[in-house]
Amino acid sequence: VDLGPHLDLIHPGQLVLDADHTAHIVARFDGTMREVRASLGDPVKAGAVLAVIDSRELADLSATYLSSSSRLDLALLTLKREQALWEQKISAEQDFLAAKQAYAEAQIELRQSRQKLKAFGIDDGGIARITSQSDGSLARFEIKAPTAGVIIEKDVTLGEAVAANDKLFQVADLSTVWLDISVFPKDLAFVAVGQRVRVSASGIKDSTTGVITYIQPLANVANRAVLARVVLKNPDGQWRPGLFVTARAVIGESDVPVMVAKDALQSYESNSVVFVDSPEG
């Protein structure tokens, strides 16, 4: 990208993960790690199964759901029978009303057990599978990737006990990264949201550009610097979170007939010159 001749401010910066595209994956149940299917550095798709936990707590919730479902079916059959008997004047209305109330209570009980499963991350498909599983598999819970990306952290081993809310994996989409720049008070007047920034780093041949998307309203109490953030596209993965980079914020531009890089200037016979290719050499 040719930015043209410009006046810029140079700031130190650090690449960090794009928090909007990073997910911390935790255990929702206490249990034992039954399978581990993903490793550090693996690319994963959204919904991919990373690990499987055996959980007694999930087994209890599943059993309660199945019991509530069976009780509802029985209550419905009883209600239909009592309604038919009452309409035929064979049984009392009181029996029909009692069966109707029992059916309503069974509906509430099933709805509550279903909501408990959903609160622990069991979706409609998972709840439907519970009804087709054998008793031995009711404890099985799959840990899935909520978003596509790369596994950058893994803290789980096969057979270990895990507790609810233990952090198991971290998945990050590295196609974009954040650049956090420290802007000191003397330069704040020249920095604004939407401003172009050119980024370079030692060891990376090509520079890249981005725009400032956020300026922190508070200054750092330690060094009085203000954080400015740039979102960088990272299709090749060369801009790695953790790297320190140099950010040049463009604060002015002008049109000139010829532009050359500053490092192309050479001192020759007390003059500043630039060597160029010509037919003579």
C-alpha atoms as a PDB file:
ATOM      1  CA  VAL A   1       0.000   0.000   0.000  1.00  0.00           C
ATOM      2  CA  ASP A   2       1.476   3.336  -1.037  1.00  0.00           C
ATOM      3  CA  LEU A   3       0.630   5.944   1.581  1.00  0.00           C
ATOM      4  CA  GLY A   4       2.396   8.712  -0.297  1.00  0.00           C
ATOM      5  CA  PRO A   5       4.628  11.360   1.286  1.00  0.00           C
ATOM      6  CA  HIS A   6       3.455  11.933   4.829  1.00  0.00           C
ATOM      7  CA  LEU A   7       4.259  13.255   8.238  1.00  0.00           C
ATOM      8  CA  ASP A   8       3.933  10.601  10.897  1.00  0.00           C
ATOM      9  CA  LEU A   9       4.194   9.962  14.598  1.00  0.00           C
ATOM     10  CA  ILE A  10       6.091   6.881  15.720  1.00  0.00           C
ATOM     11  CA  HIS A  11       4.679   4.890  18.628  1.00  0.00           C
ATOM     12  CA  PRO A  12       5.602   1.580  20.261  1.00  0.00           C
ATOM     13  CA  GLY A  13       2.880  -1.035  20.096  1.00  0.00           C
ATOM     14  CA  GLN A  14       2.136  -4.636  20.929  1.00  0.00           C
ATOM     15  CA  LEU A  15       0.042  -7.169  19.062  1.00  0.00           C
ATOM     16  CA  VAL A  16      -2.637  -8.876  21.155  1.00  0.00           C
ATOM     17  CA  LEU A  17      -5.462 -11.317  20.507  1.00  0.00           C
ATOM     18  CA  ASP A  18      -8.667  -9.982  19.012  1.00  0.00           C
ATOM     19  CA  ALA A  19     -10.882 -10.445  22.077  1.00  0.00           C
ATOM     20  CA  ASP A  20     -14.009 -10.266  19.907  1.00  0.00           C
ATOM     21  CA  HIS A  21     -12.904 -13.461  18.154  1.00  0.00           C
ATOM     22  CA  THR A  22     -11.447 -15.396  21.089  1.00  0.00           C
ATOM     23  CA  ALA A  23     -13.281 -17.979  23.192  1.00  0.00           C
ATOM     24  CA  HIS A  24     -12.437 -19.483  26.583  1.00  0.00           C
ATOM     25  CA  ILE A  25     -13.955 -22.959  26.803  1.00  0.00           C
ATOM     26  CA  VAL A  26     -14.777 -24.216  30.285  1.00  0.00           C
ATOM     27  CA  ALA A  27     -16.247 -27.371  31.783  1.00  0.00           C
ATOM     28  CA  ARG A  28     -19.939 -26.988  32.566  1.00  0.00           C
ATOM     29  CA  PHE A  29     -20.076 -30.061  34.799  1.00  0.00           C
ATOM     30  CA  ASP A  30     -17.886 -31.808  37.334  1.00  0.00           C
ATOM     31  CA  GLY A  31     -16.663 -35.029  35.773  1.00  0.00           C
ATOM     32  CA  THR A  32     -13.862 -37.133  34.336  1.00  0.00           C
ATOM     33  CA  MET A  33     -12.187 -36.512  30.998  1.00  0.00           C
ATOM     34  CA  ARG A  34     -13.155 -39.438  28.787  1.00  0.00           C
ATOM     35  CA  GLU A  35     -11.785 -38.290  25.400  1.00  0.00           C
ATOM     36  CA  VAL A  36      -9.453 -35.520  24.225  1.00  0.00           C
ATOM     37  CA  ARG A  37      -9.696 -34.969  20.491  1.00  0.00           C
ATOM     38  CA  ALA A  38      -7.851 -31.668  19.974  1.00  0.00           C
ATOM     39  CA  SER A  39      -4.253 -30.545  20.464  1.00  0.00           C
ATOM     40  CA  LEU A  40      -2.436 -27.219  20.629  1.00  0.00           C
ATOM     41  CA  GLY A  41      -2.256 -25.527  17.258  1.00  0.00           C
ATOM     42  CA  ASP A  42      -5.102 -27.498  15.721  1.00  0.00           C
ATOM     43  CA  PRO A  43      -7.451 -25.496  13.486  1.00  0.00           C
ATOM     44  CA  VAL A  44     -11.061 -26.190  14.449  1.00  0.00           C
ATOM     45  CA  LYS A  45     -14.461 -25.384  13.025  1.00  0.00           C
ATOM     46  CA  ALA A  46     -17.375 -24.002  15.018  1.00  0.00           C
ATOM     47  CA  GLY A  47     -19.185 -26.900  16.680  1.00  0.00           C
ATOM     48  CA  ALA A  48     -16.236 -29.294  16.498  1.00  0.00           C
ATOM     49  CA  VAL A  49     -16.010 -31.702  19.455  1.00  0.00           C
ATOM     50  CA  LEU A  50     -12.794 -30.995  21.370  1.00  0.00           C
ATOM     51  CA  ALA A  51     -13.260 -33.372  24.301  1.00  0.00           C
ATOM     52  CA  VAL A  52     -15.822 -35.593  26.036  1.00  0.00           C
ATOM     53  CA  ILE A  53     -16.571 -35.627  29.778  1.00  0.00           C
ATOM     54  CA  ASP A  54     -18.345 -38.277  31.852  1.00  0.00           C
ATOM     55  CA  SER A  55     -20.427 -36.434  34.446  1.00  0.00           C
ATOM     56  CA  ARG A  56     -22.563 -37.901  37.223  1.00  0.00           C
ATOM     57  CA  GLU A  57     -24.310 -34.542  37.533  1.00  0.00           C
ATOM     58  CA  LEU A  58     -25.359 -34.674  33.876  1.00  0.00           C
ATOM     59  CA  ALA A  59     -26.483 -38.277  34.308  1.00  0.00           C
ATOM     60  CA  ASP A  60     -28.729 -37.222  37.203  1.00  0.00           C
ATOM     61  CA  LEU A  61     -30.216 -34.344  35.206  1.00  0.00           C
ATOM     62  CA  SER A  62     -30.768 -36.604  32.201  1.00  0.00           C
ATOM     63  CA  ALA A  63     -32.430 -39.263  34.332  1.00  0.00           C
ATOM     64  CA  THR A  64     -34.704 -36.625  35.862  1.00  0.00           C
ATOM     65  CA  TYR A  65     -35.650 -35.426  32.389  1.00  0.00           C
ATOM     66  CA  LEU A  66     -36.455 -38.958  31.213  1.00  0.00           C
ATOM     67  CA  SER A  67     -38.490 -39.614  34.352  1.00  0.00           C
ATOM     68  CA  SER A  68     -40.423 -36.372  33.837  1.00  0.00           C
ATOM     69  CA  SER A  69     -41.046 -37.253  30.205  1.00  0.00           C
ATOM     70  CA  SER A  70     -42.397 -40.706  31.144  1.00  0.00           C
ATOM     71  CA  ARG A  71     -44.552 -39.193  33.900  1.00  0.00           C
ATOM     72  CA  LEU A  72     -46.029 -36.735  31.390  1.00  0.00           C
ATOM     73  CA  ASP A  73     -46.875 -39.532  28.967  1.00  0.00           C
ATOM     74  CA  LEU A  74     -48.587 -41.482  31.751  1.00  0.00           C
ATOM     75  CA  ALA A  75     -50.455 -38.390  32.944  1.00  0.00           C
ATOM     76  CA  LEU A  76     -51.723 -37.778  29.404  1.00  0.00           C
ATOM     77  CA  LEU A  77     -53.011 -41.339  29.096  1.00  0.00           C
ATOM     78  CA  THR A  78     -54.722 -41.051  32.487  1.00  0.00           C
ATOM     79  CA  LEU A  79     -56.297 -37.729  31.524  1.00  0.00           C
ATOM     80  CA  LYS A  80     -57.681 -39.134  28.267  1.00  0.00           C
ATOM     81  CA  ARG A  81     -59.117 -42.147  30.086  1.00  0.00           C
ATOM     82  CA  GLU A  82     -60.698 -40.087  32.859  1.00  0.00           C
ATOM     83  CA  GLN A  83     -62.119 -37.630  30.324  1.00  0.00           C
ATOM     84  CA  ALA A  84     -63.729 -40.459  28.384  1.00  0.00           C
ATOM     85  CA  LEU A  85     -65.172 -42.002  31.559  1.00  0.00           C
ATOM     86  CA  TRP A  86     -66.507 -38.648  32.735  1.00  0.00           C
ATOM     87  CA  GLU A  87     -68.111 -37.918  29.343  1.00  0.00           C
ATOM     88  CA  GLN A  88     -69.792 -41.356  29.542  1.00  0.00           C
ATOM     89  CA  LYS A  89     -71.007 -40.544  33.072  1.00  0.00           C
ATOM     90  CA  ILE A  90     -69.067 -43.533  34.411  1.00  0.00           C
ATOM     91  CA  SER A  91     -66.704 -41.641  36.729  1.00  0.00           C
ATOM     92  CA  ALA A  92     -67.048 -38.475  38.761  1.00  0.00           C
ATOM     93  CA  GLU A  93     -65.988 -35.058  37.458  1.00  0.00           C
ATOM     94  CA  GLN A  94     -63.652 -34.831  40.428  1.00  0.00           C
ATOM     95  CA  ASP A  95     -61.552 -37.707  39.049  1.00  0.00           C
ATOM     96  CA  PHE A  96     -61.349 -36.015  35.665  1.00  0.00           C
ATOM     97  CA  LEU A  97     -60.255 -32.694  37.234  1.00  0.00           C
ATOM     98  CA  ALA A  98     -57.641 -34.471  39.363  1.00  0.00           C
ATOM     99  CA  ALA A  99     -56.213 -36.136  36.241  1.00  0.00           C
ATOM    100  CA  LYS A 100     -56.188 -32.776  34.459  1.00  0.00           C
ATOM    101  CA  GLN A 101     -54.261 -31.187  37.324  1.00  0.00           C
ATOM    102  CA  ALA A 102     -51.776 -34.077  37.417  1.00  0.00           C
ATOM    103  CA  TYR A 103     -51.159 -33.627  33.681  1.00  0.00           C
ATOM    104  CA  ALA A 104     -50.524 -29.881  34.129  1.00  0.00           C
ATOM    105  CA  GLU A 105     -48.075 -30.577  36.974  1.00  0.00           C
ATOM    106  CA  ALA A 106     -46.257 -33.157  34.841  1.00  0.00           C
ATOM    107  CA  GLN A 107     -45.919 -30.578  32.060  1.00  0.00           C
ATOM    108  CA  ILE A 108     -44.367 -28.081  34.486  1.00  0.00           C
ATOM    109  CA  GLU A 109     -41.977 -30.703  35.857  1.00  0.00           C
ATOM    110  CA  LEU A 110     -40.797 -31.662  32.360  1.00  0.00           C
ATOM    111  CA  ARG A 111     -40.365 -28.012  31.408  1.00  0.00           C
ATOM    112  CA  GLN A 112     -38.238 -27.384  34.510  1.00  0.00           C
ATOM    113  CA  SER A 113     -35.991 -30.399  33.905  1.00  0.00           C
ATOM    114  CA  ARG A 114     -35.576 -29.316  30.282  1.00  0.00           C
ATOM    115  CA  GLN A 115     -34.583 -25.780  31.320  1.00  0.00           C
ATOM    116  CA  LYS A 116     -31.979 -27.169  33.737  1.00  0.00           C
ATOM    117  CA  LEU A 117     -30.357 -29.094  30.887  1.00  0.00           C
ATOM    118  CA  LYS A 118     -30.359 -26.009  28.677  1.00  0.00           C
ATOM    119  CA  ALA A 119     -28.812 -23.937  31.468  1.00  0.00           C
ATOM    120  CA  PHE A 120     -25.829 -26.308  31.342  1.00  0.00           C
ATOM    121  CA  GLY A 121     -25.435 -25.910  27.599  1.00  0.00           C
ATOM    122  CA  ILE A 122     -27.443 -28.897  26.340  1.00  0.00           C
ATOM    123  CA  ASP A 123     -29.206 -27.752  23.158  1.00  0.00           C
ATOM    124  CA  ASP A 124     -32.425 -29.121  21.673  1.00  0.00           C
ATOM    125  CA  GLY A 125     -30.506 -31.697  19.649  1.00  0.00           C
ATOM    126  CA  GLY A 126     -28.677 -32.891  22.757  1.00  0.00           C
ATOM    127  CA  ILE A 127     -31.925 -33.156  24.707  1.00  0.00           C
ATOM    128  CA  ALA A 128     -33.478 -35.161  21.880  1.00  0.00           C
ATOM    129  CA  ARG A 129     -30.516 -37.558  21.940  1.00  0.00           C
ATOM    130  CA  ILE A 130     -30.967 -38.152  25.671  1.00  0.00           C
ATOM    131  CA  THR A 131     -34.223 -39.964  25.012  1.00  0.00           C
ATOM    132  CA  SER A 132     -32.459 -42.385  22.636  1.00  0.00           C
ATOM    133  CA  GLN A 133     -29.392 -43.070  24.804  1.00  0.00           C
ATOM    134  CA  SER A 134     -28.918 -46.065  27.024  1.00  0.00           C
ATOM    135  CA  ASP A 135     -28.543 -45.519  30.773  1.00  0.00           C
ATOM    136  CA  GLY A 136     -24.773 -45.960  30.511  1.00  0.00           C
ATOM    137  CA  SER A 137     -24.357 -43.008  28.154  1.00  0.00           C
ATOM    138  CA  LEU A 138     -26.476 -40.416  29.962  1.00  0.00           C
ATOM    139  CA  ALA A 139     -23.331 -39.008  31.587  1.00  0.00           C
ATOM    140  CA  ARG A 140     -21.599 -38.187  28.286  1.00  0.00           C
ATOM    141  CA  PHE A 141     -21.077 -34.477  27.632  1.00  0.00           C
ATOM    142  CA  GLU A 142     -19.289 -33.120  24.561  1.00  0.00           C
ATOM    143  CA  ILE A 143     -17.074 -30.029  24.822  1.00  0.00           C
ATOM    144  CA  LYS A 144     -17.529 -28.140  21.537  1.00  0.00           C
ATOM    145  CA  ALA A 145     -15.768 -25.178  19.951  1.00  0.00           C
ATOM    146  CA  PRO A 146     -18.159 -22.206  19.990  1.00  0.00           C
ATOM    147  CA  THR A 147     -16.293 -20.528  17.135  1.00  0.00           C
ATOM    148  CA  ALA A 148     -13.833 -21.386  14.381  1.00  0.00           C
ATOM    149  CA  GLY A 149     -10.167 -20.715  14.997  1.00  0.00           C
ATOM    150  CA  VAL A 150      -6.946 -22.226  16.296  1.00  0.00           C
ATOM    151  CA  ILE A 151      -6.418 -23.845  19.697  1.00  0.00           C
ATOM    152  CA  ILE A 152      -3.880 -21.616  21.450  1.00  0.00           C
ATOM    153  CA  GLU A 153      -4.282 -22.992  24.980  1.00  0.00           C
ATOM    154  CA  LYS A 154      -5.037 -26.480  26.275  1.00  0.00           C
ATOM    155  CA  ASP A 155      -5.181 -27.477  29.936  1.00  0.00           C
ATOM    156  CA  VAL A 156      -6.670 -30.954  29.957  1.00  0.00           C
ATOM    157  CA  THR A 157      -5.401 -34.552  29.932  1.00  0.00           C
ATOM    158  CA  LEU A 158      -7.155 -37.850  29.408  1.00  0.00           C
ATOM    159  CA  GLY A 159      -8.608 -39.365  32.567  1.00  0.00           C
ATOM    160  CA  GLU A 160      -8.217 -36.321  34.805  1.00  0.00           C
ATOM    161  CA  ALA A 161     -10.986 -35.019  37.032  1.00  0.00           C
ATOM    162  CA  VAL A 162     -12.365 -31.618  36.035  1.00  0.00           C
ATOM    163  CA  ALA A 163     -14.574 -29.240  37.958  1.00  0.00           C
ATOM    164  CA  ALA A 164     -17.311 -26.984  36.655  1.00  0.00           C
ATOM    165  CA  ASN A 165     -15.860 -23.731  35.261  1.00  0.00           C
ATOM    166  CA  ASP A 166     -12.342 -25.178  34.872  1.00  0.00           C
ATOM    167  CA  LYS A 167     -10.743 -23.618  31.793  1.00  0.00           C
ATOM    168  CA  LEU A 168     -10.019 -26.387  29.288  1.00  0.00           C
ATOM    169  CA  PHE A 169      -9.238 -24.714  25.948  1.00  0.00           C
ATOM    170  CA  GLN A 170      -8.826 -21.315  24.360  1.00  0.00           C
ATOM    171  CA  VAL A 171      -9.722 -20.910  20.697  1.00  0.00           C
ATOM    172  CA  ALA A 172      -8.751 -17.788  18.749  1.00  0.00           C
ATOM    173  CA  ASP A 173      -9.502 -16.633  15.220  1.00  0.00           C
ATOM    174  CA  LEU A 174      -6.125 -15.177  14.204  1.00  0.00           C
ATOM    175  CA  SER A 175      -7.288 -13.820  10.845  1.00  0.00           C
ATOM    176  CA  THR A 176      -7.446 -10.462  12.638  1.00  0.00           C
ATOM    177  CA  VAL A 177      -5.377  -9.199  15.572  1.00  0.00           C
ATOM    178  CA  TRP A 178      -5.389  -6.072  17.683  1.00  0.00           C
ATOM    179  CA  LEU A 179      -2.512  -3.635  17.857  1.00  0.00           C
ATOM    180  CA  ASP A 180      -2.413  -1.721  21.129  1.00  0.00           C
ATOM    181  CA  ILE A 181      -0.442   1.519  20.811  1.00  0.00           C
ATOM    182  CA  SER A 182       0.783   3.692  23.688  1.00  0.00           C
ATOM    183  CA  VAL A 183       0.141   7.351  22.872  1.00  0.00           C
ATOM    184  CA  PHE A 184       1.752   9.863  25.195  1.00  0.00           C
ATOM    185  CA  PRO A 185       0.130  13.193  26.152  1.00  0.00           C
ATOM    186  CA  LYS A 186       2.222  15.345  23.809  1.00  0.00           C
ATOM    187  CA  ASP A 187       0.907  13.405  20.795  1.00  0.00           C
ATOM    188  CA  LEU A 188      -2.752  13.004  21.792  1.00  0.00           C
ATOM    189  CA  ALA A 189      -3.882  16.031  19.793  1.00  0.00           C
ATOM    190  CA  PHE A 190      -2.631  14.383  16.597  1.00  0.00           C
ATOM    191  CA  VAL A 191      -4.353  10.997  17.068  1.00  0.00           C
ATOM    192  CA  ALA A 192      -7.983  10.253  16.235  1.00  0.00           C
ATOM    193  CA  VAL A 193     -10.331   7.374  15.530  1.00  0.00           C
ATOM    194  CA  GLY A 194     -10.271   6.549  11.807  1.00  0.00           C
ATOM    195  CA  GLN A 195      -6.647   7.621  11.393  1.00  0.00           C
ATOM    196  CA  ARG A 196      -4.405   5.448   9.237  1.00  0.00           C
ATOM    197  CA  VAL A 197      -1.482   3.660  10.835  1.00  0.00           C
ATOM    198  CA  ARG A 198       1.423   1.918   9.145  1.00  0.00           C
ATOM    199  CA  VAL A 199       2.817  -1.052  11.084  1.00  0.00           C
ATOM    200  CA  SER A 200       6.222  -2.705  10.815  1.00  0.00           C
ATOM    201  CA  ALA A 201       8.197  -5.140  12.930  1.00  0.00           C
ATOM    202  CA  SER A 202      11.696  -6.526  13.095  1.00  0.00           C
ATOM    203  CA  GLY A 203      11.867  -9.839  11.266  1.00  0.00           C
ATOM    204  CA  ILE A 204       8.774  -9.175   9.120  1.00  0.00           C
ATOM    205  CA  LYS A 205       9.649  -8.036   5.626  1.00  0.00           C
ATOM    206  CA  ASP A 206       6.428  -6.328   4.609  1.00  0.00           C
ATOM    207  CA  SER A 207       4.629  -3.639   6.549  1.00  0.00           C
ATOM    208  CA  THR A 208       0.851  -3.376   6.750  1.00  0.00           C
ATOM    209  CA  THR A 209      -1.733  -0.699   7.424  1.00  0.00           C
ATOM    210  CA  GLY A 210      -4.839  -0.327   9.537  1.00  0.00           C
ATOM    211  CA  VAL A 211      -6.988   2.358  11.094  1.00  0.00           C
ATOM    212  CA  ILE A 212      -7.448   3.380  14.713  1.00  0.00           C
ATOM    213  CA  THR A 213     -10.818   2.052  15.881  1.00  0.00           C
ATOM    214  CA  TYR A 214     -10.684   2.898  19.584  1.00  0.00           C
ATOM    215  CA  ILE A 215      -8.956   5.386  21.885  1.00  0.00           C
ATOM    216  CA  GLN A 216      -9.161   4.670  25.591  1.00  0.00           C
ATOM    217  CA  PRO A 217     -10.839   7.496  27.540  1.00  0.00           C
ATOM    218  CA  LEU A 218      -8.528   7.000  30.544  1.00  0.00           C
ATOM    219  CA  ALA A 219      -4.747   7.285  30.741  1.00  0.00           C
ATOM    220  CA  ASN A 220      -2.481   4.670  32.285  1.00  0.00           C
ATOM    221  CA  VAL A 221      -1.662   5.859  35.801  1.00  0.00           C
ATOM    222  CA  ALA A 222       1.841   4.353  35.599  1.00  0.00           C
ATOM    223  CA  ASN A 223       3.153   6.115  32.477  1.00  0.00           C
ATOM    224  CA  ARG A 224       0.280   8.520  31.594  1.00  0.00           C
ATOM    225  CA  ALA A 225      -0.003   6.970  28.140  1.00  0.00           C
ATOM    226  CA  VAL A 226      -3.354   6.442  26.437  1.00  0.00           C
ATOM    227  CA  LEU A 227      -4.140   3.222  24.618  1.00  0.00           C
ATOM    228  CA  ALA A 228      -5.144   3.449  20.964  1.00  0.00           C
ATOM    229  CA  ARG A 229      -6.243   0.269  19.189  1.00  0.00           C
ATOM    230  CA  VAL A 230      -5.866  -0.759  15.562  1.00  0.00           C
ATOM    231  CA  VAL A 231      -7.512  -3.847  14.054  1.00  0.00           C
ATOM    232  CA  LEU A 232      -5.098  -5.534  11.638  1.00  0.00           C
ATOM    233  CA  LYS A 233      -5.960  -8.122   9.025  1.00  0.00           C
ATOM    234  CA  ASN A 234      -3.730 -11.164   9.418  1.00  0.00           C
ATOM    235  CA  PRO A 235      -4.514 -13.622   6.594  1.00  0.00           C
ATOM    236  CA  ASP A 236      -1.020 -15.141   6.537  1.00  0.00           C
ATOM    237  CA  GLY A 237      -0.620 -15.312  10.308  1.00  0.00           C
ATOM    238  CA  GLN A 238       2.648 -13.362  10.297  1.00  0.00           C
ATOM    239  CA  TRP A 239       1.382 -10.764  12.796  1.00  0.00           C
ATOM    240  CA  ARG A 240       1.608 -12.871  15.924  1.00  0.00           C
ATOM    241  CA  PRO A 241       0.068 -11.720  19.223  1.00  0.00           C
ATOM    242  CA  GLY A 242       2.836 -10.914  21.689  1.00  0.00           C
ATOM    243  CA  LEU A 243       5.134  -9.253  19.152  1.00  0.00           C
ATOM    244  CA  PHE A 244       6.285  -5.686  19.703  1.00  0.00           C
ATOM    245  CA  VAL A 245       5.936  -3.505  16.609  1.00  0.00           C
ATOM    246  CA  THR A 246       6.411   0.048  15.450  1.00  0.00           C
ATOM    247  CA  ALA A 247       3.294   2.006  14.547  1.00  0.00           C
ATOM    248  CA  ARG A 248       3.460   5.167  12.464  1.00  0.00           C
ATOM    249  CA  ALA A 249       0.298   7.240  12.590  1.00  0.00           C
ATOM    250  CA  VAL A 250      -0.123   9.405   9.493  1.00  0.00           C
ATOM    251  CA  ILE A 251      -0.991  12.973  10.500  1.00  0.00           C
ATOM    252  CA  GLY A 252      -0.363  14.742   7.192  1.00  0.00           C
ATOM    253  CA  GLU A 253       0.135  14.094   3.464  1.00  0.00           C
ATOM    254  CA  SER A 254       1.187  16.043   0.399  1.00  0.00           C
ATOM    255  CA  ASP A 255       1.621  15.410  -3.334  1.00  0.00           C
ATOM    256  CA  VAL A 256       5.201  15.517  -4.680  1.00  0.00           C
ATOM    257  CA  PRO A 257       6.734  14.664  -8.066  1.00  0.00           C
ATOM    258  CA  VAL A 258       9.068  11.987  -6.688  1.00  0.00           C
ATOM    259  CA  MET A 259       9.068  10.013  -3.453  1.00  0.00           C
ATOM    260  CA  VAL A 260      11.890   7.853  -2.114  1.00  0.00           C
ATOM    261  CA  ALA A 261      12.387   5.944   1.110  1.00  0.00           C
ATOM    262  CA  LYS A 262      14.504   7.743   3.714  1.00  0.00           C
ATOM    263  CA  ASP A 263      16.869   4.794   3.999  1.00  0.00           C
ATOM    264  CA  ALA A 264      17.654   5.147   0.273  1.00  0.00           C
ATOM    265  CA  LEU A 265      19.466   8.459   0.892  1.00  0.00           C
ATOM    266  CA  GLN A 266      23.261   8.179   0.731  1.00  0.00           C
ATOM    267  CA  SER A 267      26.026  10.683   1.465  1.00  0.00           C
ATOM    268  CA  TYR A 268      28.250  11.261  -1.592  1.00  0.00           C
ATOM    269  CA  GLU A 269      30.771  14.114  -1.981  1.00  0.00           C
ATOM    270  CA  SER A 270      29.091  16.110   0.802  1.00  0.00           C
ATOM    271  CA  ASN A 271      25.673  15.746  -0.842  1.00  0.00           C
ATOM    272  CA  SER A 272      22.639  13.597  -0.156  1.00  0.00           C
ATOM    273  CA  VAL A 273      21.977  11.449  -3.195  1.00  0.00           C
ATOM    274  CA  VAL A 274      19.925   8.473  -4.293  1.00  0.00           C
ATOM    275  CA  PHE A 275      21.372   5.853  -6.618  1.00  0.00           C
ATOM    276  CA  VAL A 276      19.035   4.672  -9.381  1.00  0.00           C
ATOM    277  CA  ASP A 277      19.311   2.139 -12.180  1.00  0.00           C
ATOM    278  CA  SER A 278      20.153   3.524 -15.623  1.00  0.00           C
ATOM    279  CA  PRO A 279      21.336   2.072 -18.966  1.00  0.00           C
ATOM    280  CA  GLU A 280      24.893   2.968 -17.961  1.00  0.00           C
ATOM    281  CA  GLY A 281      24.659   1.128 -14.647  1.00  0.00           C
END
